[in-house]
Amino acid sequence: CQPEGIEFIPGSELTAEVKGNELHLLGYFIDTQNSRLLLEMAKFQTVRQNRIREMVARLNKLNVPLHADAVFAIANCRSPGRPHVGRALVQAGFCATLDEAFERFLKRHRPAWVPKFKISAFDAIALVHQAGGAAVMAHPALNRLDEAIPELVELGLDGLECVHTKHAAATCEHYRRLAGQLGVLVTGGSDCHGL
């Protein structure tokens, strides 16, 4: 990437909550060695790993003999999520597709669904700032929280991810205008987490 002038920056995505609604908060340019950030991230990772164990336990009660270790092997990271459980279900032959795994077991109100841990949006913004980063709301159209954006900006939100693969051109423009009105950064991303 260096010959093309592409610069890598450290970042993270946090699951947060505002007024009972989930939102994803991106932290750009964070200090990856920040001790408080590392401590909080370790807590979040433990919670995510325990969530996987609970999902697997629920599957086991449904006579689906999946093992948590199979999920962790597929995830190959410290922050596993439902897609990794879905892939493990497909790999073990319990489901034909990832969509089937989510429809039968993993979506909200399905038998193996376990709620996600969320920190408050205020705490997430503060954590990103404490680590020297810029706090940006990911894919705002998917959050459906436009009415909360001005309040989040007052709490320190630095930007909106206006350009996103699931935002139509008109949606991108809507958020660009909103970002301009609120005086916050405009970012864009692919939301690619890899497999």
C-alpha atoms as a PDB file:
ATOM      1  CA  CYS A   1       0.000   0.000   0.000  1.00  0.00           C
ATOM      2  CA  GLN A   2       2.922   2.357   0.614  1.00  0.00           C
ATOM      3  CA  PRO A   3       3.579   3.020  -3.101  1.00  0.00           C
ATOM      4  CA  GLU A   4      -0.090   3.974  -3.462  1.00  0.00           C
ATOM      5  CA  GLY A   5       0.077   6.381  -0.521  1.00  0.00           C
ATOM      6  CA  ILE A   6      -2.394   4.420   1.575  1.00  0.00           C
ATOM      7  CA  GLU A   7      -1.911   5.081   5.269  1.00  0.00           C
ATOM      8  CA  PHE A   8      -3.012   2.638   7.937  1.00  0.00           C
ATOM      9  CA  ILE A   9      -4.516   4.016  11.115  1.00  0.00           C
ATOM     10  CA  PRO A  10      -5.375   2.208  14.350  1.00  0.00           C
ATOM     11  CA  GLY A  11      -9.056   1.886  15.035  1.00  0.00           C
ATOM     12  CA  SER A  12     -11.720  -0.021  16.874  1.00  0.00           C
ATOM     13  CA  GLU A  13     -15.461  -0.554  16.834  1.00  0.00           C
ATOM     14  CA  LEU A  14     -17.452  -0.530  20.051  1.00  0.00           C
ATOM     15  CA  THR A  15     -21.032  -1.622  20.565  1.00  0.00           C
ATOM     16  CA  ALA A  16     -22.721   1.132  22.507  1.00  0.00           C
ATOM     17  CA  GLU A  17     -26.201   2.114  23.550  1.00  0.00           C
ATOM     18  CA  VAL A  18     -28.164   5.353  23.556  1.00  0.00           C
ATOM     19  CA  LYS A  19     -31.738   5.562  24.865  1.00  0.00           C
ATOM     20  CA  GLY A  20     -32.036   1.771  24.751  1.00  0.00           C
ATOM     21  CA  ASN A  21     -30.902   1.564  21.118  1.00  0.00           C
ATOM     22  CA  GLU A  22     -27.715  -0.077  19.883  1.00  0.00           C
ATOM     23  CA  LEU A  23     -25.198   1.901  17.904  1.00  0.00           C
ATOM     24  CA  HIS A  24     -21.707   1.133  16.716  1.00  0.00           C
ATOM     25  CA  LEU A  25     -19.017   3.636  17.557  1.00  0.00           C
ATOM     26  CA  LEU A  26     -15.773   3.761  15.599  1.00  0.00           C
ATOM     27  CA  GLY A  27     -12.600   4.964  17.278  1.00  0.00           C
ATOM     28  CA  TYR A  28     -10.013   6.271  14.797  1.00  0.00           C
ATOM     29  CA  PHE A  29      -6.379   7.165  15.537  1.00  0.00           C
ATOM     30  CA  ILE A  30      -6.549   5.568  18.995  1.00  0.00           C
ATOM     31  CA  ASP A  31      -3.400   4.927  21.003  1.00  0.00           C
ATOM     32  CA  THR A  32      -3.317   1.129  20.920  1.00  0.00           C
ATOM     33  CA  GLN A  33      -1.000   1.070  23.946  1.00  0.00           C
ATOM     34  CA  ASN A  34      -3.289   3.212  26.125  1.00  0.00           C
ATOM     35  CA  SER A  35      -3.573   1.330  29.433  1.00  0.00           C
ATOM     36  CA  ARG A  36      -7.225   2.190  30.125  1.00  0.00           C
ATOM     37  CA  LEU A  37      -8.232   1.275  26.575  1.00  0.00           C
ATOM     38  CA  LEU A  38      -6.388  -2.047  26.846  1.00  0.00           C
ATOM     39  CA  LEU A  39      -8.062  -2.801  30.183  1.00  0.00           C
ATOM     40  CA  GLU A  40     -11.555  -2.015  28.857  1.00  0.00           C
ATOM     41  CA  MET A  41     -10.956  -3.947  25.626  1.00  0.00           C
ATOM     42  CA  ALA A  42      -9.854  -6.991  27.629  1.00  0.00           C
ATOM     43  CA  LYS A  43     -13.125  -6.795  29.585  1.00  0.00           C
ATOM     44  CA  PHE A  44     -15.150  -6.510  26.372  1.00  0.00           C
ATOM     45  CA  GLN A  45     -13.303  -9.489  24.878  1.00  0.00           C
ATOM     46  CA  THR A  46     -14.023 -11.644  27.950  1.00  0.00           C
ATOM     47  CA  VAL A  47     -17.706 -10.713  27.752  1.00  0.00           C
ATOM     48  CA  ARG A  48     -17.802 -11.637  24.056  1.00  0.00           C
ATOM     49  CA  GLN A  49     -16.103 -14.989  24.707  1.00  0.00           C
ATOM     50  CA  ASN A  50     -18.584 -15.745  27.503  1.00  0.00           C
ATOM     51  CA  ARG A  51     -21.439 -14.844  25.162  1.00  0.00           C
ATOM     52  CA  ILE A  52     -20.177 -17.480  22.712  1.00  0.00           C
ATOM     53  CA  ARG A  53     -20.039 -20.070  25.500  1.00  0.00           C
ATOM     54  CA  GLU A  54     -23.639 -19.247  26.434  1.00  0.00           C
ATOM     55  CA  MET A  55     -24.792 -19.548  22.804  1.00  0.00           C
ATOM     56  CA  VAL A  56     -23.082 -22.929  22.508  1.00  0.00           C
ATOM     57  CA  ALA A  57     -24.653 -24.066  25.794  1.00  0.00           C
ATOM     58  CA  ARG A  58     -28.084 -23.118  24.438  1.00  0.00           C
ATOM     59  CA  LEU A  59     -27.365 -25.012  21.217  1.00  0.00           C
ATOM     60  CA  ASN A  60     -26.272 -28.031  23.234  1.00  0.00           C
ATOM     61  CA  LYS A  61     -29.619 -27.951  25.110  1.00  0.00           C
ATOM     62  CA  LEU A  62     -31.263 -28.134  21.674  1.00  0.00           C
ATOM     63  CA  ASN A  63     -29.252 -31.323  20.952  1.00  0.00           C
ATOM     64  CA  VAL A  64     -26.840 -29.489  18.645  1.00  0.00           C
ATOM     65  CA  PRO A  65     -23.483 -30.804  19.910  1.00  0.00           C
ATOM     66  CA  LEU A  66     -21.352 -27.848  18.895  1.00  0.00           C
ATOM     67  CA  HIS A  67     -18.224 -27.081  20.950  1.00  0.00           C
ATOM     68  CA  ALA A  68     -17.131 -23.575  21.914  1.00  0.00           C
ATOM     69  CA  ASP A  69     -13.549 -24.452  20.933  1.00  0.00           C
ATOM     70  CA  ALA A  70     -14.724 -24.974  17.336  1.00  0.00           C
ATOM     71  CA  VAL A  71     -16.158 -21.452  17.321  1.00  0.00           C
ATOM     72  CA  PHE A  72     -13.000 -19.952  18.832  1.00  0.00           C
ATOM     73  CA  ALA A  73     -10.846 -21.768  16.251  1.00  0.00           C
ATOM     74  CA  ILE A  74     -12.901 -20.297  13.405  1.00  0.00           C
ATOM     75  CA  ALA A  75     -12.882 -16.815  14.964  1.00  0.00           C
ATOM     76  CA  ASN A  76      -9.126 -16.868  15.534  1.00  0.00           C
ATOM     77  CA  CYS A  77      -9.437 -13.650  17.543  1.00  0.00           C
ATOM     78  CA  ARG A  78     -10.323 -12.485  21.043  1.00  0.00           C
ATOM     79  CA  SER A  79     -13.618 -10.886  19.994  1.00  0.00           C
ATOM     80  CA  PRO A  80     -15.734 -13.682  18.516  1.00  0.00           C
ATOM     81  CA  GLY A  81     -19.318 -13.035  17.474  1.00  0.00           C
ATOM     82  CA  ARG A  82     -22.435 -14.662  16.091  1.00  0.00           C
ATOM     83  CA  PRO A  83     -21.052 -15.001  12.546  1.00  0.00           C
ATOM     84  CA  HIS A  84     -18.348 -17.279  13.945  1.00  0.00           C
ATOM     85  CA  VAL A  85     -20.985 -19.448  15.637  1.00  0.00           C
ATOM     86  CA  GLY A  86     -22.902 -19.539  12.364  1.00  0.00           C
ATOM     87  CA  ARG A  87     -19.834 -20.589  10.424  1.00  0.00           C
ATOM     88  CA  ALA A  88     -19.110 -23.305  13.007  1.00  0.00           C
ATOM     89  CA  LEU A  89     -22.683 -24.604  12.625  1.00  0.00           C
ATOM     90  CA  VAL A  90     -22.244 -24.769   8.845  1.00  0.00           C
ATOM     91  CA  GLN A  91     -18.770 -26.308   9.059  1.00  0.00           C
ATOM     92  CA  ALA A  92     -20.031 -29.026  11.427  1.00  0.00           C
ATOM     93  CA  GLY A  93     -22.973 -29.765   9.131  1.00  0.00           C
ATOM     94  CA  PHE A  94     -25.730 -28.617  11.497  1.00  0.00           C
ATOM     95  CA  CYS A  95     -26.851 -25.941   9.016  1.00  0.00           C
ATOM     96  CA  ALA A  96     -26.475 -25.703   5.247  1.00  0.00           C
ATOM     97  CA  THR A  97     -25.827 -21.959   5.139  1.00  0.00           C
ATOM     98  CA  LEU A  98     -24.978 -19.022   7.352  1.00  0.00           C
ATOM     99  CA  ASP A  99     -28.446 -17.613   6.681  1.00  0.00           C
ATOM    100  CA  GLU A 100     -30.011 -20.832   7.926  1.00  0.00           C
ATOM    101  CA  ALA A 101     -27.879 -20.735  11.094  1.00  0.00           C
ATOM    102  CA  PHE A 102     -29.096 -17.210  11.860  1.00  0.00           C
ATOM    103  CA  GLU A 103     -32.736 -17.968  10.978  1.00  0.00           C
ATOM    104  CA  ARG A 104     -32.914 -21.151  13.045  1.00  0.00           C
ATOM    105  CA  PHE A 105     -30.706 -20.289  15.992  1.00  0.00           C
ATOM    106  CA  LEU A 106     -28.830 -16.984  16.157  1.00  0.00           C
ATOM    107  CA  LYS A 107     -31.132 -14.057  15.330  1.00  0.00           C
ATOM    108  CA  ARG A 108     -32.854 -12.087  18.077  1.00  0.00           C
ATOM    109  CA  HIS A 109     -35.645 -14.154  19.652  1.00  0.00           C
ATOM    110  CA  ARG A 110     -34.184 -17.398  18.280  1.00  0.00           C
ATOM    111  CA  PRO A 111     -33.265 -20.165  20.741  1.00  0.00           C
ATOM    112  CA  ALA A 112     -29.469 -19.608  20.849  1.00  0.00           C
ATOM    113  CA  TRP A 113     -29.527 -15.808  20.742  1.00  0.00           C
ATOM    114  CA  VAL A 114     -27.813 -14.107  23.672  1.00  0.00           C
ATOM    115  CA  PRO A 115     -27.992 -10.313  24.072  1.00  0.00           C
ATOM    116  CA  LYS A 116     -24.853  -8.305  23.426  1.00  0.00           C
ATOM    117  CA  PHE A 117     -23.129  -6.305  26.155  1.00  0.00           C
ATOM    118  CA  LYS A 118     -23.256  -2.586  25.405  1.00  0.00           C
ATOM    119  CA  ILE A 119     -21.651   0.377  27.117  1.00  0.00           C
ATOM    120  CA  SER A 120     -23.325   3.761  27.094  1.00  0.00           C
ATOM    121  CA  ALA A 121     -22.595   5.949  24.091  1.00  0.00           C
ATOM    122  CA  PHE A 122     -21.233   8.581  26.467  1.00  0.00           C
ATOM    123  CA  ASP A 123     -18.780   6.089  28.014  1.00  0.00           C
ATOM    124  CA  ALA A 124     -17.751   4.795  24.574  1.00  0.00           C
ATOM    125  CA  ILE A 125     -17.067   8.327  23.303  1.00  0.00           C
ATOM    126  CA  ALA A 126     -15.134   9.121  26.476  1.00  0.00           C
ATOM    127  CA  LEU A 127     -13.057   5.932  26.142  1.00  0.00           C
ATOM    128  CA  VAL A 128     -12.112   6.744  22.539  1.00  0.00           C
ATOM    129  CA  HIS A 129     -11.210  10.319  23.503  1.00  0.00           C
ATOM    130  CA  GLN A 130      -9.242   9.149  26.533  1.00  0.00           C
ATOM    131  CA  ALA A 131      -7.173   7.007  24.126  1.00  0.00           C
ATOM    132  CA  GLY A 132      -6.536  10.049  21.920  1.00  0.00           C
ATOM    133  CA  GLY A 133      -8.961   9.022  19.182  1.00  0.00           C
ATOM    134  CA  ALA A 134     -11.818  10.461  17.172  1.00  0.00           C
ATOM    135  CA  ALA A 135     -15.268   8.987  17.962  1.00  0.00           C
ATOM    136  CA  VAL A 136     -17.410   8.393  14.859  1.00  0.00           C
ATOM    137  CA  MET A 137     -20.908   6.896  14.580  1.00  0.00           C
ATOM    138  CA  ALA A 138     -20.763   3.931  12.216  1.00  0.00           C
ATOM    139  CA  HIS A 139     -23.361   3.555   9.431  1.00  0.00           C
ATOM    140  CA  PRO A 140     -25.913   5.992  10.878  1.00  0.00           C
ATOM    141  CA  ALA A 141     -28.707   4.946   8.486  1.00  0.00           C
ATOM    142  CA  LEU A 142     -28.534   1.405   9.860  1.00  0.00           C
ATOM    143  CA  ASN A 143     -28.779   2.715  13.424  1.00  0.00           C
ATOM    144  CA  ARG A 144     -31.966   4.695  12.699  1.00  0.00           C
ATOM    145  CA  LEU A 145     -31.046   7.168  15.434  1.00  0.00           C
ATOM    146  CA  ASP A 146     -30.985  10.468  13.547  1.00  0.00           C
ATOM    147  CA  GLU A 147     -32.850  12.229  16.357  1.00  0.00           C
ATOM    148  CA  ALA A 148     -30.090  11.271  18.819  1.00  0.00           C
ATOM    149  CA  ILE A 149     -27.180  12.493  16.669  1.00  0.00           C
ATOM    150  CA  PRO A 150     -27.227  16.148  17.835  1.00  0.00           C
ATOM    151  CA  GLU A 151     -27.222  14.980  21.463  1.00  0.00           C
ATOM    152  CA  LEU A 152     -24.326  12.610  20.729  1.00  0.00           C
ATOM    153  CA  VAL A 153     -22.407  15.498  19.171  1.00  0.00           C
ATOM    154  CA  GLU A 154     -22.981  17.464  22.389  1.00  0.00           C
ATOM    155  CA  LEU A 155     -21.545  14.453  24.258  1.00  0.00           C
ATOM    156  CA  GLY A 156     -18.418  14.633  22.088  1.00  0.00           C
ATOM    157  CA  LEU A 157     -19.172  12.620  18.942  1.00  0.00           C
ATOM    158  CA  ASP A 158     -16.580  13.719  16.379  1.00  0.00           C
ATOM    159  CA  GLY A 159     -18.033  12.402  13.134  1.00  0.00           C
ATOM    160  CA  LEU A 160     -20.463  10.379  11.068  1.00  0.00           C
ATOM    161  CA  GLU A 161     -19.630   7.507   8.736  1.00  0.00           C
ATOM    162  CA  CYS A 162     -21.572   9.060   5.865  1.00  0.00           C
ATOM    163  CA  VAL A 163     -20.229   6.772   3.144  1.00  0.00           C
ATOM    164  CA  HIS A 164     -21.055   3.107   3.708  1.00  0.00           C
ATOM    165  CA  THR A 165     -21.738   0.143   1.448  1.00  0.00           C
ATOM    166  CA  LYS A 166     -25.348  -0.038   2.697  1.00  0.00           C
ATOM    167  CA  HIS A 167     -26.019   3.698   2.274  1.00  0.00           C
ATOM    168  CA  ALA A 168     -27.612   4.740  -1.010  1.00  0.00           C
ATOM    169  CA  ALA A 169     -26.173   7.844  -2.676  1.00  0.00           C
ATOM    170  CA  ALA A 170     -29.039   9.995  -1.333  1.00  0.00           C
ATOM    171  CA  THR A 171     -28.443   8.612   2.156  1.00  0.00           C
ATOM    172  CA  CYS A 172     -24.729   9.445   1.954  1.00  0.00           C
ATOM    173  CA  GLU A 173     -25.620  12.987   0.928  1.00  0.00           C
ATOM    174  CA  HIS A 174     -28.171  13.316   3.755  1.00  0.00           C
ATOM    175  CA  TYR A 175     -25.499  12.441   6.338  1.00  0.00           C
ATOM    176  CA  ARG A 176     -22.904  14.672   4.677  1.00  0.00           C
ATOM    177  CA  ARG A 177     -25.325  17.602   5.032  1.00  0.00           C
ATOM    178  CA  LEU A 178     -26.095  16.668   8.642  1.00  0.00           C
ATOM    179  CA  ALA A 179     -22.379  16.398   9.449  1.00  0.00           C
ATOM    180  CA  GLY A 180     -21.844  19.828   7.907  1.00  0.00           C
ATOM    181  CA  GLN A 181     -24.696  21.354   9.916  1.00  0.00           C
ATOM    182  CA  LEU A 182     -23.324  19.848  13.132  1.00  0.00           C
ATOM    183  CA  GLY A 183     -19.687  20.645  12.340  1.00  0.00           C
ATOM    184  CA  VAL A 184     -18.424  17.061  12.610  1.00  0.00           C
ATOM    185  CA  LEU A 185     -16.131  14.911  10.485  1.00  0.00           C
ATOM    186  CA  VAL A 186     -17.298  12.899   7.475  1.00  0.00           C
ATOM    187  CA  THR A 187     -15.852   9.400   7.150  1.00  0.00           C
ATOM    188  CA  GLY A 188     -16.471   6.398   4.956  1.00  0.00           C
ATOM    189  CA  GLY A 189     -15.823   2.701   5.217  1.00  0.00           C
ATOM    190  CA  SER A 190     -16.519  -0.703   3.762  1.00  0.00           C
ATOM    191  CA  ASP A 191     -17.476  -2.264   7.130  1.00  0.00           C
ATOM    192  CA  CYS A 192     -15.443  -5.274   6.056  1.00  0.00           C
ATOM    193  CA  HIS A 193     -14.630  -7.410   9.081  1.00  0.00           C
ATOM    194  CA  GLY A 194     -13.314 -10.231   6.924  1.00  0.00           C
ATOM    195  CA  LEU A 195     -14.724 -13.730   7.275  1.00  0.00           C
END
